[in-house]
Amino acid sequence: MAAAKKAVLGPLVGAVDQGTSSTRFLVFNSKTAELLSHHQVEIKQEFPREGWVEQDPMEILQSVYECIEKTCEKLGQLNIDISNIKAIGVSNQRETTVVWDKLTGEPLYNAVVWLDLRTQSTVETLSKRIPGNNNFVKSKTGLPLSTYFSAVKLRWLLDNVTKVQKAVKEDRALFGTIDSWLIWSLTGGANGGVHCTDVTNASRTMLFNIHSLEWDKDLCEFFDIPMKILPNVRSSSEIYGLMKAGALEGVPISGCLGDQSAALVGQMCFQDGQAKNTYGTGCFLLCNTGRKCVFSDHGLLTTVAYKLGRDKPVYYALEGSVAIAGAVIRWLRDNLGIIKTSEEIEKLAKEVGTSYGCYFVPAFSGLYAPYWEPSARGIICGLTQFTNKCHVAFAALEAVCFQTREILDAMNRDCGIPLSHLQVDGGMTNNKILMQLQADILYIPVVKPSMPETTALGAAMAAGAAEGVGVWSLEPEDLSAVTMERFEPQINAEESEIRYSTWKKAVMKSMGWVTTQSSESGDPSIFCSLPLGFFIVSSMVMLIGARYISGTL
């Protein structure tokens, strides 16, 4: 029997979407933006001490190879010829910090994840060296001094890991965020791998001048970072190198964007004032401010949105960053065990349709925008004997929406023109209760594309549009129309405001839990910094019995 004829679909573009919770590889048709196939692998997170969050860089790399191979197999089963894949883009969790040996290709320590808090005392020490009337770190980088960004994580590695210190001394060490680690490894690693990053990822390190678009000598001196270990900074859309192994060997890697910038591109927010909100491990609202840097007076970050070509202009964005969104669902699953899969949260919330006065502030890593309050910790309040796991599930979803409301309010104050609707994307947007809650709490429509994989789509668009590839046009008239699902507010404005003001009261109660601890050396925390689980377990045992925790109530 003759072999089945391979489908002819025109040029295809692949995208690696390496997030905090999982890795995916997706393949799109460059002419229609249709998603043809994908594969996903969950990534482990390690919590060696309280406030520490790490991942294994080798596990991340292997997950990328696995996702590429499995997706190519699936395309084969669909009779789609993988030789039509003309380019690959990379999108990644930002800020997460890796240092590796350029001679062996081995990481010198686990990746220190963006959520990690071990550097709080470093931040406090450094902040004393910044004059109150001249915050040169923020003016050069657009970022507040925080545990969130890469510079202080790298400083911790240089101070505390002997292998890293030795490799730097012997000129063997390379630093990078996850995009750099992946591109270097995929383009040959120790055998000629390309050590680079793009402007969007560089802008999240606190070492990069967002005006000159270069590593800043003064910032590197301030954080005491040797510039020789930093990657070359490139645009978000150009050929960096070729895949050196696997089913797609020889295919150029030609797009690179931090995940939130990739989602902005994937949502086609190319105009000044267009914004999107992505619901992933965290929650990130970005508003395109065009070619000008806009500095926030209300706790938002100024960041590089994208630079889609070597000779193309750079675009900037205002960003509201929330540390814990989807991560709270994973926490309910993995730490409390009240759901077995993340999808079950919608079913539990639907059973009650209300939190019944229960409020959940998931400040597991302190509070990010607009507060930037590292002393905050997670709390659940408003519990009664009537409270059950369904109410807690509903409160967890509401928490994501309330946090979005806070950063949207800050964005509206900074921009002066309130958003008339909110464009959303990310895995959590499949939860219809969450989307309706979001519309109710914001009191504006929420608009979701029918294909929610906009982060991967943005990376694919950047890769396909790169000079030397040229299979994806970014001209407005060539961009595919996107089908949208719309959620309108269904409660009155007064009720929305009452719920929001009660939430803000709960936020105030979450602050000041942690006094300065030596989290960097792992000293035991005093009572006031006990983890959220301690307070939940003790409260629930007293209120509704131990059976609640096992999910039997």
Protein backbone atom coordinates (compact mmCIF):
# COMPACT_ATOMS: atom_id res chain seq x y z
CA MET A 1 0.00 0.00 0.00
CA ALA A 2 1.31 3.45 -0.87
CA ALA A 3 2.35 5.62 2.05
CA ALA A 4 -0.22 8.26 3.06
CA LYS A 5 0.49 11.56 1.37
CA LYS A 6 1.79 14.22 3.74
CA ALA A 7 -0.50 17.22 4.16
CA VAL A 8 0.77 20.43 2.56
CA LEU A 9 0.07 23.34 4.89
CA GLY A 10 2.68 25.87 3.93
CA PRO A 11 5.39 27.07 6.32
CA LEU A 12 5.05 26.03 9.96
CA VAL A 13 6.68 27.59 13.03
CA GLY A 14 7.37 25.91 16.37
CA ALA A 15 7.43 27.54 19.81
CA VAL A 16 9.03 26.39 23.04
CA ASP A 17 6.94 27.73 25.94
CA GLN A 18 8.97 27.05 29.08
CA GLY A 19 6.94 28.15 32.10
CA THR A 20 7.26 27.80 35.85
CA SER A 21 4.83 24.88 36.05
CA SER A 22 5.36 23.16 32.71
CA THR A 23 7.16 23.05 29.38
CA ARG A 24 5.34 22.90 26.06
CA PHE A 25 6.21 22.78 22.40
CA LEU A 26 3.55 24.00 19.98
CA VAL A 27 3.46 24.16 16.17
CA PHE A 28 1.49 26.82 14.27
CA ASN A 29 0.58 27.41 10.64
CA SER A 30 2.30 30.71 9.85
CA LYS A 31 -0.39 31.77 7.35
CA THR A 32 -3.45 31.19 9.55
CA ALA A 33 -1.98 31.15 13.12
CA GLU A 34 -3.79 27.82 13.58
CA LEU A 35 -2.38 25.58 16.34
CA LEU A 36 -1.68 22.20 14.73
CA SER A 37 -0.24 20.15 17.57
CA HIS A 38 1.50 20.40 20.93
CA HIS A 39 2.89 18.42 23.86
CA GLN A 40 3.22 19.41 27.52
CA VAL A 41 5.35 18.14 30.44
CA GLU A 42 4.91 19.30 34.05
CA ILE A 43 8.06 20.61 35.77
CA LYS A 44 8.93 19.89 39.40
CA GLN A 45 9.52 22.73 41.82
CA GLU A 46 11.78 22.16 44.82
CA PHE A 47 11.39 23.97 48.15
CA PRO A 48 14.58 23.11 50.07
CA ARG A 49 13.88 25.72 52.77
CA GLU A 50 11.05 28.06 53.54
CA GLY A 51 10.93 30.83 50.94
CA TRP A 52 13.35 29.01 48.62
CA VAL A 53 12.11 27.89 45.19
CA GLU A 54 14.38 25.95 42.81
CA GLN A 55 14.19 23.89 39.63
CA ASP A 56 16.62 21.51 37.94
CA PRO A 57 17.97 23.14 34.73
CA MET A 58 18.71 19.69 33.23
CA GLU A 59 15.11 18.59 33.85
CA ILE A 60 13.94 21.78 32.12
CA LEU A 61 16.22 21.11 29.13
CA GLN A 62 15.18 17.45 28.85
CA SER A 63 11.51 18.48 29.01
CA VAL A 64 12.09 20.74 25.99
CA TYR A 65 13.65 17.90 23.99
CA GLU A 66 10.81 15.58 25.04
CA CYS A 67 8.12 18.06 24.05
CA ILE A 68 9.74 18.67 20.65
CA GLU A 69 10.05 14.92 19.91
CA LYS A 70 6.50 14.10 21.04
CA THR A 71 4.98 16.99 19.09
CA CYS A 72 6.84 15.91 15.95
CA GLU A 73 5.49 12.36 16.45
CA LYS A 74 1.95 13.73 16.75
CA LEU A 75 2.43 15.77 13.56
CA GLY A 76 3.58 12.60 11.81
CA GLN A 77 0.38 10.86 12.91
CA LEU A 78 -1.56 13.76 11.36
CA ASN A 79 0.43 13.29 8.13
CA ILE A 80 2.02 16.71 8.55
CA ASP A 81 5.60 16.89 7.28
CA ILE A 82 7.89 18.28 9.99
CA SER A 83 10.32 19.51 7.31
CA ASN A 84 7.80 22.36 6.90
CA ILE A 85 8.85 23.71 10.32
CA LYS A 86 10.98 26.66 9.23
CA ALA A 87 11.79 28.30 12.57
CA ILE A 88 11.51 27.95 16.34
CA GLY A 89 10.74 30.63 18.90
CA VAL A 90 11.47 30.49 22.63
CA SER A 91 9.27 31.94 25.36
CA ASN A 92 10.24 31.49 28.99
CA GLN A 93 9.58 32.16 32.66
CA ARG A 94 11.50 35.35 33.31
CA GLU A 95 14.04 36.27 36.04
CA THR A 96 14.76 32.63 36.98
CA THR A 97 18.54 32.43 37.24
CA VAL A 98 20.96 29.74 36.03
CA VAL A 99 24.76 29.56 36.17
CA TRP A 100 26.48 26.77 34.27
CA ASP A 101 29.91 25.50 33.19
CA LYS A 102 30.65 26.40 29.58
CA LEU A 103 33.18 23.55 29.23
CA THR A 104 30.98 20.70 30.45
CA GLY A 105 27.50 22.14 29.86
CA GLU A 106 26.52 21.22 33.43
CA PRO A 107 24.58 23.59 35.70
CA LEU A 108 26.61 24.64 38.76
CA TYR A 109 23.51 24.89 40.96
CA ASN A 110 19.75 24.55 40.59
CA ALA A 111 17.87 27.34 38.85
CA VAL A 112 16.80 29.93 41.44
CA VAL A 113 13.17 30.63 40.50
CA TRP A 114 11.65 34.11 40.22
CA LEU A 115 9.38 33.39 43.22
CA ASP A 116 12.36 32.67 45.50
CA LEU A 117 12.72 34.86 48.62
CA ARG A 118 16.14 33.86 49.99
CA THR A 119 17.69 37.19 48.98
CA GLN A 120 15.50 39.43 51.15
CA SER A 121 18.32 40.46 53.50
CA THR A 122 20.55 41.15 50.46
CA VAL A 123 17.85 43.45 49.11
CA GLU A 124 17.57 45.26 52.44
CA THR A 125 21.35 45.74 52.64
CA LEU A 126 21.58 47.01 49.06
CA SER A 127 18.62 49.36 49.45
CA LYS A 128 20.52 51.25 52.16
CA ARG A 129 23.16 52.10 49.53
CA ILE A 130 20.63 53.79 47.20
CA PRO A 131 20.17 57.53 47.89
CA GLY A 132 16.55 58.44 48.58
CA ASN A 133 16.67 61.27 46.05
CA ASN A 134 18.44 59.23 43.33
CA ASN A 135 17.09 55.73 42.83
CA PHE A 136 19.48 55.00 39.97
CA VAL A 137 18.48 51.32 39.91
CA LYS A 138 14.86 52.15 39.12
CA SER A 139 15.69 55.00 36.73
CA LYS A 140 18.02 52.77 34.67
CA THR A 141 16.04 49.49 34.85
CA GLY A 142 12.42 50.48 35.47
CA LEU A 143 12.36 48.00 38.37
CA PRO A 144 12.20 48.28 42.16
CA LEU A 145 14.95 46.61 44.16
CA SER A 146 13.31 43.25 44.91
CA THR A 147 13.99 39.53 45.39
CA TYR A 148 11.96 39.05 42.18
CA PHE A 149 14.73 39.98 39.74
CA SER A 150 17.85 38.11 38.61
CA ALA A 151 20.69 40.34 39.87
CA VAL A 152 20.18 39.51 43.56
CA LYS A 153 19.71 35.79 42.80
CA LEU A 154 22.99 35.81 40.88
CA ARG A 155 24.63 37.71 43.75
CA TRP A 156 23.48 34.95 46.14
CA LEU A 157 24.96 32.24 43.89
CA LEU A 158 28.26 34.10 43.69
CA ASP A 159 28.35 34.53 47.48
CA ASN A 160 27.20 31.07 48.57
CA VAL A 161 28.00 28.38 46.00
CA THR A 162 31.64 27.25 45.91
CA LYS A 163 31.26 25.65 42.47
CA VAL A 164 30.05 28.95 41.05
CA GLN A 165 32.86 30.93 42.70
CA LYS A 166 35.49 28.51 41.34
CA ALA A 167 34.03 28.51 37.82
CA VAL A 168 33.97 32.33 37.70
CA LYS A 169 37.58 32.46 38.87
CA GLU A 170 38.59 29.94 36.18
CA ASP A 171 36.55 31.71 33.47
CA ARG A 172 34.22 28.71 33.01
CA ALA A 173 30.96 30.23 34.28
CA LEU A 174 28.08 31.51 32.18
CA PHE A 175 24.96 33.20 33.55
CA GLY A 176 21.57 33.35 31.94
CA THR A 177 17.85 33.36 32.44
CA ILE A 178 16.02 30.26 31.16
CA ASP A 179 15.98 31.50 27.54
CA SER A 180 19.80 31.80 27.56
CA TRP A 181 20.26 28.36 29.09
CA LEU A 182 17.95 26.77 26.51
CA ILE A 183 19.30 28.58 23.43
CA TRP A 184 22.90 27.86 24.46
CA SER A 185 22.10 24.18 25.02
CA LEU A 186 19.94 23.71 21.90
CA THR A 187 22.51 25.38 19.61
CA GLY A 188 25.36 23.08 20.66
CA GLY A 189 26.05 23.71 24.34
CA ALA A 190 29.72 23.10 25.16
CA ASN A 191 30.30 22.54 21.43
CA GLY A 192 29.73 26.05 20.17
CA GLY A 193 26.42 26.96 21.80
CA VAL A 194 25.27 30.57 21.36
CA HIS A 195 25.26 32.51 24.65
CA CYS A 196 22.62 35.19 24.16
CA THR A 197 19.39 36.65 25.51
CA ASP A 198 16.87 39.11 24.13
CA VAL A 199 16.05 42.63 25.30
CA THR A 200 12.83 41.56 27.10
CA ASN A 201 14.57 38.97 29.27
CA ALA A 202 17.60 41.22 29.82
CA SER A 203 15.27 43.95 31.08
CA ARG A 204 14.22 41.67 33.99
CA THR A 205 17.70 41.15 35.43
CA MET A 206 18.18 44.58 37.11
CA LEU A 207 21.54 44.76 35.29
CA PHE A 208 20.23 46.11 31.97
CA ASN A 209 19.81 49.76 31.01
CA ILE A 210 16.42 49.91 29.28
CA HIS A 211 17.30 53.25 27.63
CA SER A 212 20.67 52.34 26.05
CA LEU A 213 19.65 48.65 25.67
CA GLU A 214 22.98 47.47 27.08
CA TRP A 215 24.32 45.83 30.22
CA ASP A 216 25.02 48.72 32.54
CA LYS A 217 28.55 48.96 33.98
CA ASP A 218 27.39 50.96 37.03
CA LEU A 219 24.64 48.45 37.86
CA CYS A 220 27.06 45.52 37.49
CA GLU A 221 29.44 47.30 39.87
CA PHE A 222 26.62 48.03 42.33
CA PHE A 223 25.59 44.34 42.45
CA ASP A 224 29.25 43.23 42.06
CA ILE A 225 28.50 41.06 39.01
CA PRO A 226 31.35 40.20 36.61
CA MET A 227 30.22 41.32 33.14
CA LYS A 228 32.16 38.54 31.42
CA ILE A 229 29.55 35.94 32.49
CA LEU A 230 26.59 37.85 30.97
CA PRO A 231 25.01 36.78 27.64
CA ASN A 232 25.04 38.90 24.48
CA VAL A 233 21.83 40.92 24.18
CA ARG A 234 19.96 40.55 20.89
CA SER A 235 16.59 41.63 19.50
CA SER A 236 13.50 39.46 20.03
CA SER A 237 13.35 38.43 16.36
CA GLU A 238 16.53 37.33 14.57
CA ILE A 239 18.37 34.09 13.88
CA TYR A 240 20.44 33.23 16.98
CA GLY A 241 21.63 29.80 15.85
CA LEU A 242 20.51 26.40 14.57
CA MET A 243 19.14 23.37 16.43
CA LYS A 244 22.02 20.91 16.78
CA ALA A 245 20.13 17.73 17.75
CA GLY A 246 16.79 15.95 17.65
CA ALA A 247 13.98 15.78 15.12
CA LEU A 248 14.37 19.48 14.20
CA GLU A 249 18.16 19.54 13.77
CA GLY A 250 19.18 22.39 11.46
CA VAL A 251 16.05 24.50 12.08
CA PRO A 252 16.89 28.10 13.09
CA ILE A 253 15.98 29.43 16.54
CA SER A 254 14.92 32.92 15.57
CA GLY A 255 12.52 34.28 18.18
CA CYS A 256 13.00 34.93 21.89
CA LEU A 257 10.65 36.73 24.28
CA GLY A 258 10.04 36.62 28.00
CA ASP A 259 6.65 34.95 28.48
CA GLN A 260 4.68 38.11 29.25
CA SER A 261 6.12 39.99 26.28
CA ALA A 262 5.35 36.96 24.11
CA ALA A 263 1.72 37.06 25.26
CA LEU A 264 1.55 40.79 24.45
CA VAL A 265 2.72 40.02 20.90
CA GLY A 266 0.44 36.97 20.66
CA GLN A 267 -2.54 39.12 21.66
CA MET A 268 -1.40 41.54 18.91
CA CYS A 269 -1.17 44.47 21.33
CA PHE A 270 1.04 46.47 18.98
CA GLN A 271 -0.63 49.85 19.58
CA ASP A 272 0.08 52.31 22.37
CA GLY A 273 -2.52 51.73 25.12
CA GLN A 274 -3.38 48.11 24.24
CA ALA A 275 -3.14 45.73 27.21
CA LYS A 276 -3.44 42.05 28.11
CA ASN A 277 -3.56 40.01 31.31
CA THR A 278 -2.01 36.52 31.43
CA TYR A 279 -3.13 33.99 34.05
CA GLY A 280 -0.34 31.48 34.65
CA THR A 281 1.64 30.60 37.79
CA GLY A 282 1.46 34.31 38.48
CA CYS A 283 -0.70 36.98 36.89
CA PHE A 284 0.76 39.70 34.66
CA LEU A 285 -0.96 42.74 33.19
CA LEU A 286 1.05 44.53 30.47
CA CYS A 287 0.10 47.74 28.68
CA ASN A 288 2.01 48.80 25.56
CA THR A 289 3.30 52.36 26.03
CA GLY A 290 4.86 52.60 22.57
CA ARG A 291 8.42 53.83 22.07
CA LYS A 292 8.48 55.81 25.32
CA CYS A 293 9.34 54.62 28.82
CA VAL A 294 6.49 55.46 31.18
CA PHE A 295 7.39 55.35 34.87
CA SER A 296 4.65 54.42 37.32
CA ASP A 297 3.57 56.36 40.39
CA HIS A 298 1.41 53.45 41.56
CA GLY A 299 3.68 50.44 42.00
CA LEU A 300 3.92 49.16 38.42
CA LEU A 301 7.11 48.21 36.57
CA THR A 302 8.54 49.76 33.42
CA THR A 303 9.83 47.06 31.13
CA VAL A 304 10.84 46.32 27.54
CA ALA A 305 7.82 44.98 25.62
CA TYR A 306 9.64 43.76 22.49
CA LYS A 307 12.09 44.65 19.73
CA LEU A 308 11.03 42.67 16.67
CA GLY A 309 14.23 42.83 14.62
CA ARG A 310 17.81 44.04 14.81
CA ASP A 311 16.97 47.30 13.06
CA LYS A 312 13.45 47.66 14.45
CA PRO A 313 12.52 50.09 17.25
CA VAL A 314 12.15 49.00 20.85
CA TYR A 315 8.69 49.17 22.45
CA TYR A 316 8.05 49.51 26.18
CA ALA A 317 5.29 48.46 28.56
CA LEU A 318 3.93 49.16 32.01
CA GLU A 319 3.52 45.93 33.95
CA GLY A 320 1.54 44.88 36.99
CA SER A 321 2.98 41.66 38.43
CA VAL A 322 1.13 39.30 40.78
CA ALA A 323 3.24 36.46 42.19
CA ILE A 324 0.56 33.87 42.90
CA ALA A 325 -2.35 33.08 40.56
CA GLY A 326 -2.41 29.53 39.14
CA ALA A 327 0.12 28.62 41.83
CA VAL A 328 -2.63 28.88 44.45
CA ILE A 329 -4.58 26.11 42.66
CA ARG A 330 -1.48 23.92 42.55
CA TRP A 331 -0.99 24.61 46.27
CA LEU A 332 -4.54 23.52 47.10
CA ARG A 333 -3.85 20.32 45.12
CA ASP A 334 -0.32 19.48 46.27
CA ASN A 335 -0.15 20.92 49.80
CA LEU A 336 -3.70 20.63 51.15
CA GLY A 337 -4.99 17.83 48.93
CA ILE A 338 -8.53 19.23 48.68
CA ILE A 339 -8.48 18.71 44.90
CA LYS A 340 -6.82 15.94 42.90
CA THR A 341 -6.47 17.87 39.62
CA SER A 342 -6.31 21.59 38.92
CA GLU A 343 -9.50 21.35 36.84
CA GLU A 344 -11.52 20.28 39.91
CA ILE A 345 -11.34 23.81 41.35
CA GLU A 346 -14.08 24.99 38.97
CA LYS A 347 -16.41 22.17 40.03
CA LEU A 348 -15.92 22.90 43.75
CA ALA A 349 -16.44 26.64 43.27
CA LYS A 350 -19.57 26.01 41.19
CA GLU A 351 -21.13 23.94 44.00
CA VAL A 352 -21.42 26.98 46.27
CA GLY A 353 -21.24 29.97 43.91
CA THR A 354 -19.84 32.15 46.70
CA SER A 355 -16.98 32.27 49.20
CA TYR A 356 -19.54 32.97 51.96
CA GLY A 357 -17.41 35.75 53.44
CA CYS A 358 -14.16 33.78 53.23
CA TYR A 359 -11.18 35.72 51.78
CA PHE A 360 -7.87 34.19 50.69
CA VAL A 361 -4.73 36.34 50.24
CA PRO A 362 -2.13 33.98 48.70
CA ALA A 363 0.94 36.05 49.56
CA PHE A 364 3.23 32.99 49.60
CA SER A 365 6.14 35.08 48.26
CA GLY A 366 5.13 38.38 49.79
CA LEU A 367 3.06 40.82 47.76
CA TYR A 368 4.20 42.11 44.36
CA ALA A 369 2.43 44.99 42.54
CA PRO A 370 1.18 47.41 43.62
CA TYR A 371 2.46 46.90 47.21
CA TRP A 372 5.98 45.41 46.85
CA GLU A 373 5.68 44.18 50.43
CA PRO A 374 8.04 41.25 51.15
CA SER A 375 6.86 40.91 54.77
CA ALA A 376 3.37 39.75 53.72
CA ARG A 377 2.37 36.09 53.98
CA GLY A 378 -0.70 34.18 52.91
CA ILE A 379 -3.83 34.26 55.03
CA ILE A 380 -7.36 32.87 54.87
CA CYS A 381 -9.81 34.90 56.92
CA GLY A 382 -13.54 35.17 57.48
CA LEU A 383 -13.77 31.47 58.39
CA THR A 384 -16.83 30.17 60.26
CA GLN A 385 -18.08 26.68 61.15
CA PHE A 386 -20.09 26.83 57.93
CA THR A 387 -16.92 27.25 55.79
CA ASN A 388 -15.96 24.19 53.74
CA LYS A 389 -13.49 23.35 51.01
CA CYS A 390 -15.85 24.64 48.29
CA HIS A 391 -15.84 28.11 49.86
CA VAL A 392 -12.04 28.05 50.11
CA ALA A 393 -11.85 27.01 46.43
CA PHE A 394 -14.14 29.89 45.45
CA ALA A 395 -12.09 32.31 47.59
CA ALA A 396 -8.91 31.15 45.82
CA LEU A 397 -10.41 32.02 42.42
CA GLU A 398 -11.67 35.35 43.75
CA ALA A 399 -8.15 36.11 45.03
CA VAL A 400 -6.79 35.93 41.49
CA CYS A 401 -9.50 38.36 40.33
CA PHE A 402 -9.05 40.80 43.22
CA GLN A 403 -5.29 40.92 42.62
CA THR A 404 -5.95 41.69 38.94
CA ARG A 405 -8.33 44.48 40.00
CA GLU A 406 -5.57 46.03 42.11
CA ILE A 407 -3.05 46.14 39.27
CA LEU A 408 -5.69 47.27 36.76
CA ASP A 409 -6.64 50.18 39.03
CA ALA A 410 -2.95 51.14 39.25
CA MET A 411 -2.63 50.88 35.45
CA ASN A 412 -5.68 53.09 34.90
CA ARG A 413 -4.27 55.75 37.27
CA ASP A 414 -0.87 55.71 35.53
CA CYS A 415 -2.27 55.78 32.00
CA GLY A 416 -5.07 58.26 32.71
CA ILE A 417 -7.49 56.45 30.36
CA PRO A 418 -9.31 53.49 31.97
CA LEU A 419 -9.37 50.27 29.97
CA SER A 420 -12.83 49.65 28.48
CA HIS A 421 -12.29 45.88 28.45
CA LEU A 422 -9.58 43.40 29.46
CA GLN A 423 -7.94 41.01 26.99
CA VAL A 424 -6.95 37.79 28.77
CA ASP A 425 -5.00 34.63 28.05
CA GLY A 426 -3.20 31.76 29.79
CA GLY A 427 -4.21 28.33 31.05
CA MET A 428 -6.52 29.57 33.81
CA THR A 429 -8.79 31.34 31.30
CA ASN A 430 -10.35 27.95 30.47
CA ASN A 431 -12.09 28.27 33.86
CA LYS A 432 -15.41 29.96 33.02
CA ILE A 433 -16.24 30.72 36.66
CA LEU A 434 -12.92 32.56 36.99
CA MET A 435 -13.58 34.58 33.85
CA GLN A 436 -17.09 35.56 34.99
CA LEU A 437 -15.78 36.47 38.45
CA GLN A 438 -13.12 38.61 36.80
CA ALA A 439 -15.69 40.53 34.77
CA ASP A 440 -17.82 41.03 37.91
CA ILE A 441 -14.92 42.24 40.07
CA LEU A 442 -13.47 44.57 37.41
CA TYR A 443 -16.93 45.66 36.30
CA ILE A 444 -15.78 45.73 32.66
CA PRO A 445 -16.06 43.03 29.97
CA VAL A 446 -13.36 40.33 29.85
CA VAL A 447 -12.40 39.19 26.35
CA LYS A 448 -10.71 35.84 25.75
CA PRO A 449 -9.36 34.54 22.41
CA SER A 450 -10.77 31.16 21.37
CA MET A 451 -7.16 29.93 21.08
CA PRO A 452 -5.69 30.83 24.51
CA GLU A 453 -2.06 29.84 23.73
CA THR A 454 -1.05 33.40 22.98
CA THR A 455 2.33 33.19 24.76
CA ALA A 456 3.52 30.44 22.43
CA LEU A 457 1.87 32.20 19.48
CA GLY A 458 3.86 35.38 20.22
CA ALA A 459 7.15 33.47 20.27
CA ALA A 460 6.20 31.76 16.99
CA MET A 461 5.30 35.10 15.37
CA ALA A 462 8.67 36.60 16.38
CA ALA A 463 10.52 33.53 15.04
CA GLY A 464 8.60 33.38 11.76
CA ALA A 465 9.00 37.11 11.12
CA ALA A 466 12.80 37.12 11.62
CA GLU A 467 15.08 38.30 8.82
CA GLY A 468 16.30 35.22 6.96
CA VAL A 469 13.11 33.29 7.82
CA GLY A 470 10.33 35.61 6.66
CA VAL A 471 7.40 33.20 6.78
CA TRP A 472 5.18 35.24 9.15
CA SER A 473 4.05 38.75 8.30
CA LEU A 474 3.43 41.14 11.20
CA GLU A 475 1.83 43.78 8.98
CA PRO A 476 -1.59 44.72 10.41
CA GLU A 477 -3.43 43.75 7.22
CA ASP A 478 -1.85 40.27 7.27
CA LEU A 479 -2.60 39.38 10.90
CA SER A 480 -5.31 36.76 11.25
CA ALA A 481 -8.62 37.78 12.79
CA VAL A 482 -9.13 36.10 16.16
CA THR A 483 -12.44 34.71 17.44
CA MET A 484 -13.17 36.03 20.94
CA GLU A 485 -15.36 34.91 23.84
CA ARG A 486 -16.76 37.78 25.90
CA PHE A 487 -17.77 37.81 29.59
CA GLU A 488 -19.96 40.73 30.72
CA PRO A 489 -20.34 41.83 34.37
CA GLN A 490 -23.41 40.22 35.94
CA ILE A 491 -23.53 41.88 39.36
CA ASN A 492 -24.22 45.51 40.23
CA ALA A 493 -21.36 47.95 40.74
CA GLU A 494 -22.15 48.43 44.44
CA GLU A 495 -21.80 44.71 45.24
CA SER A 496 -18.55 44.59 43.25
CA GLU A 497 -17.13 47.48 45.31
CA ILE A 498 -18.16 45.97 48.66
CA ARG A 499 -16.40 42.69 47.86
CA TYR A 500 -13.31 44.52 46.67
CA SER A 501 -13.08 46.74 49.77
CA THR A 502 -13.38 43.67 52.04
CA TRP A 503 -10.56 42.03 50.07
CA LYS A 504 -8.35 45.10 50.62
CA LYS A 505 -9.01 44.80 54.37
CA ALA A 506 -7.77 41.19 54.18
CA VAL A 507 -4.65 42.31 52.28
CA MET A 508 -3.77 44.75 55.07
CA LYS A 509 -3.99 41.87 57.58
CA SER A 510 -1.51 39.80 55.51
CA MET A 511 1.28 42.38 55.87
CA GLY A 512 4.02 42.46 58.48
CA TRP A 513 4.03 38.72 59.23
CA VAL A 514 7.75 38.32 58.63
CA THR A 515 10.37 40.36 60.41
CA THR A 516 13.88 40.34 58.92
CA GLN A 517 15.02 36.73 58.94
CA SER A 518 18.29 35.19 57.89
CA SER A 519 16.50 33.25 55.15
CA GLU A 520 19.70 33.21 53.14
CA SER A 521 21.46 31.01 55.67
CA GLY A 522 18.32 29.02 56.42
CA ASP A 523 18.01 29.91 60.12
CA PRO A 524 14.70 28.72 61.62
CA SER A 525 11.96 31.31 61.32
CA ILE A 526 10.27 32.66 64.40
CA PHE A 527 6.57 32.07 65.02
CA CYS A 528 5.35 35.05 63.04
CA SER A 529 6.84 33.65 59.81
CA LEU A 530 5.34 30.19 60.06
CA PRO A 531 3.97 29.07 56.68
CA LEU A 532 0.38 29.63 55.71
CA GLY A 533 -0.28 25.89 56.02
CA PHE A 534 0.30 26.08 59.79
CA PHE A 535 -2.42 28.68 60.29
CA ILE A 536 -4.84 26.99 57.93
CA VAL A 537 -4.41 23.57 59.47
CA SER A 538 -4.74 24.85 63.04
CA SER A 539 -7.73 27.06 62.19
CA MET A 540 -9.54 24.36 60.30
CA VAL A 541 -8.90 21.71 62.91
CA MET A 542 -10.45 23.99 65.54
CA LEU A 543 -13.31 25.11 63.36
CA ILE A 544 -14.41 22.25 61.20
CA GLY A 545 -12.38 19.23 62.20
CA ALA A 546 -9.42 17.39 60.86
CA ARG A 547 -11.59 15.53 58.36
CA TYR A 548 -11.77 18.72 56.30
CA ILE A 549 -8.06 18.56 55.44
CA SER A 550 -8.35 15.04 54.07
CA GLY A 551 -11.26 16.15 51.93
CA THR A 552 -13.76 13.83 53.61
CA LEU A 553 -16.07 16.54 54.85
